[in-house]
Amino acid sequence: MKDEERAHYDTHFQEELDSLKVSVANLINFPKQTLRNTFGEGPSNRPVTFVQTPTITQPEERMGKHNQEPQHNPAFV
């Protein structure tokens, strides 16, 4: 009975070890592939695109008569 339990634990340990090896290999490969793609050494030479956040524009002041800036009321400045 102990031999069967030991065999079961050994099998489970080996499965976990193999899974861990695959996970570590994937974790190592991901940064390598990213660096290759970034520096154009891999199969994908497309440039990295960044999403630009939209900027908030201020409303333009309307020009008064004769292309002069509107008069400001000192009470509101």
Protein backbone atom coordinates (compact mmCIF):
# COMPACT_ATOMS: atom_id res chain seq x y z
CA MET A 1 0.00 0.00 0.00
CA LYS A 2 2.82 2.41 0.81
CA ASP A 3 4.41 1.75 -2.57
CA GLU A 4 1.18 2.70 -4.33
CA GLU A 5 0.87 5.92 -2.31
CA ARG A 6 4.49 6.74 -2.99
CA ALA A 7 3.99 6.13 -6.71
CA HIS A 8 0.92 8.37 -6.65
CA TYR A 9 2.82 11.19 -4.91
CA ASP A 10 5.77 10.80 -7.29
CA THR A 11 3.48 10.98 -10.31
CA HIS A 12 1.71 14.04 -8.92
CA PHE A 13 5.04 15.67 -8.09
CA GLN A 14 6.35 15.03 -11.62
CA GLU A 15 3.19 16.50 -13.18
CA GLU A 16 3.50 19.61 -11.01
CA LEU A 17 7.19 19.91 -11.84
CA ASP A 18 6.53 19.64 -15.58
CA SER A 19 3.75 22.23 -15.31
CA LEU A 20 6.07 24.57 -13.43
CA LYS A 21 8.78 24.15 -16.08
CA VAL A 22 6.31 25.07 -18.82
CA SER A 23 5.13 28.12 -16.86
CA VAL A 24 8.68 29.34 -16.28
CA ALA A 25 9.55 28.82 -19.96
CA ASN A 26 6.49 30.87 -20.97
CA LEU A 27 7.36 33.63 -18.51
CA ILE A 28 10.89 33.81 -19.88
CA ASN A 29 9.80 33.63 -23.51
CA PHE A 30 7.25 36.46 -23.26
CA PRO A 31 9.76 39.26 -22.43
CA LYS A 32 12.22 37.90 -25.01
CA GLN A 33 9.56 37.94 -27.73
CA THR A 34 8.44 41.42 -26.70
CA LEU A 35 12.00 42.74 -26.92
CA ARG A 36 12.52 41.08 -30.30
CA ASN A 37 9.33 42.64 -31.67
CA THR A 38 10.20 46.04 -30.20
CA PHE A 39 13.66 46.13 -31.73
CA GLY A 40 12.64 44.55 -35.05
CA GLU A 41 14.49 41.26 -34.68
CA GLY A 42 11.47 39.00 -34.70
CA PRO A 43 8.98 37.90 -37.32
CA SER A 44 6.80 40.90 -36.55
CA ASN A 45 8.47 44.18 -37.51
CA ARG A 46 5.42 46.36 -37.07
CA PRO A 47 5.96 49.47 -34.97
CA VAL A 48 4.63 49.69 -31.46
CA THR A 49 1.58 51.94 -31.32
CA PHE A 50 0.64 53.98 -28.31
CA VAL A 51 -2.85 55.20 -27.56
CA GLN A 52 -2.85 58.94 -26.99
CA THR A 53 -5.23 60.26 -24.41
CA PRO A 54 -7.57 62.93 -25.72
CA THR A 55 -6.77 66.48 -24.77
CA ILE A 56 -9.34 68.91 -23.49
CA THR A 57 -9.51 72.07 -25.52
CA GLN A 58 -10.61 75.36 -24.09
CA PRO A 59 -13.42 77.18 -25.88
CA GLU A 60 -12.17 80.01 -28.04
CA GLU A 61 -13.08 83.53 -27.04
CA ARG A 62 -15.12 85.30 -29.64
CA MET A 63 -13.69 88.41 -31.08
CA GLY A 64 -15.72 91.58 -30.73
CA LYS A 65 -16.33 94.20 -33.36
CA HIS A 66 -13.31 95.21 -35.43
CA ASN A 67 -11.33 92.08 -34.41
CA GLN A 68 -10.81 93.31 -30.88
CA GLU A 69 -10.97 91.14 -27.81
CA PRO A 70 -14.25 91.46 -25.93
CA GLN A 71 -14.40 93.85 -23.02
CA HIS A 72 -14.13 92.14 -19.64
CA ASN A 73 -16.29 93.24 -16.77
CA PRO A 74 -13.95 93.79 -13.78
CA ALA A 75 -16.67 92.48 -11.48
CA PHE A 76 -16.32 89.01 -13.08
CA VAL A 77 -12.54 88.85 -13.49
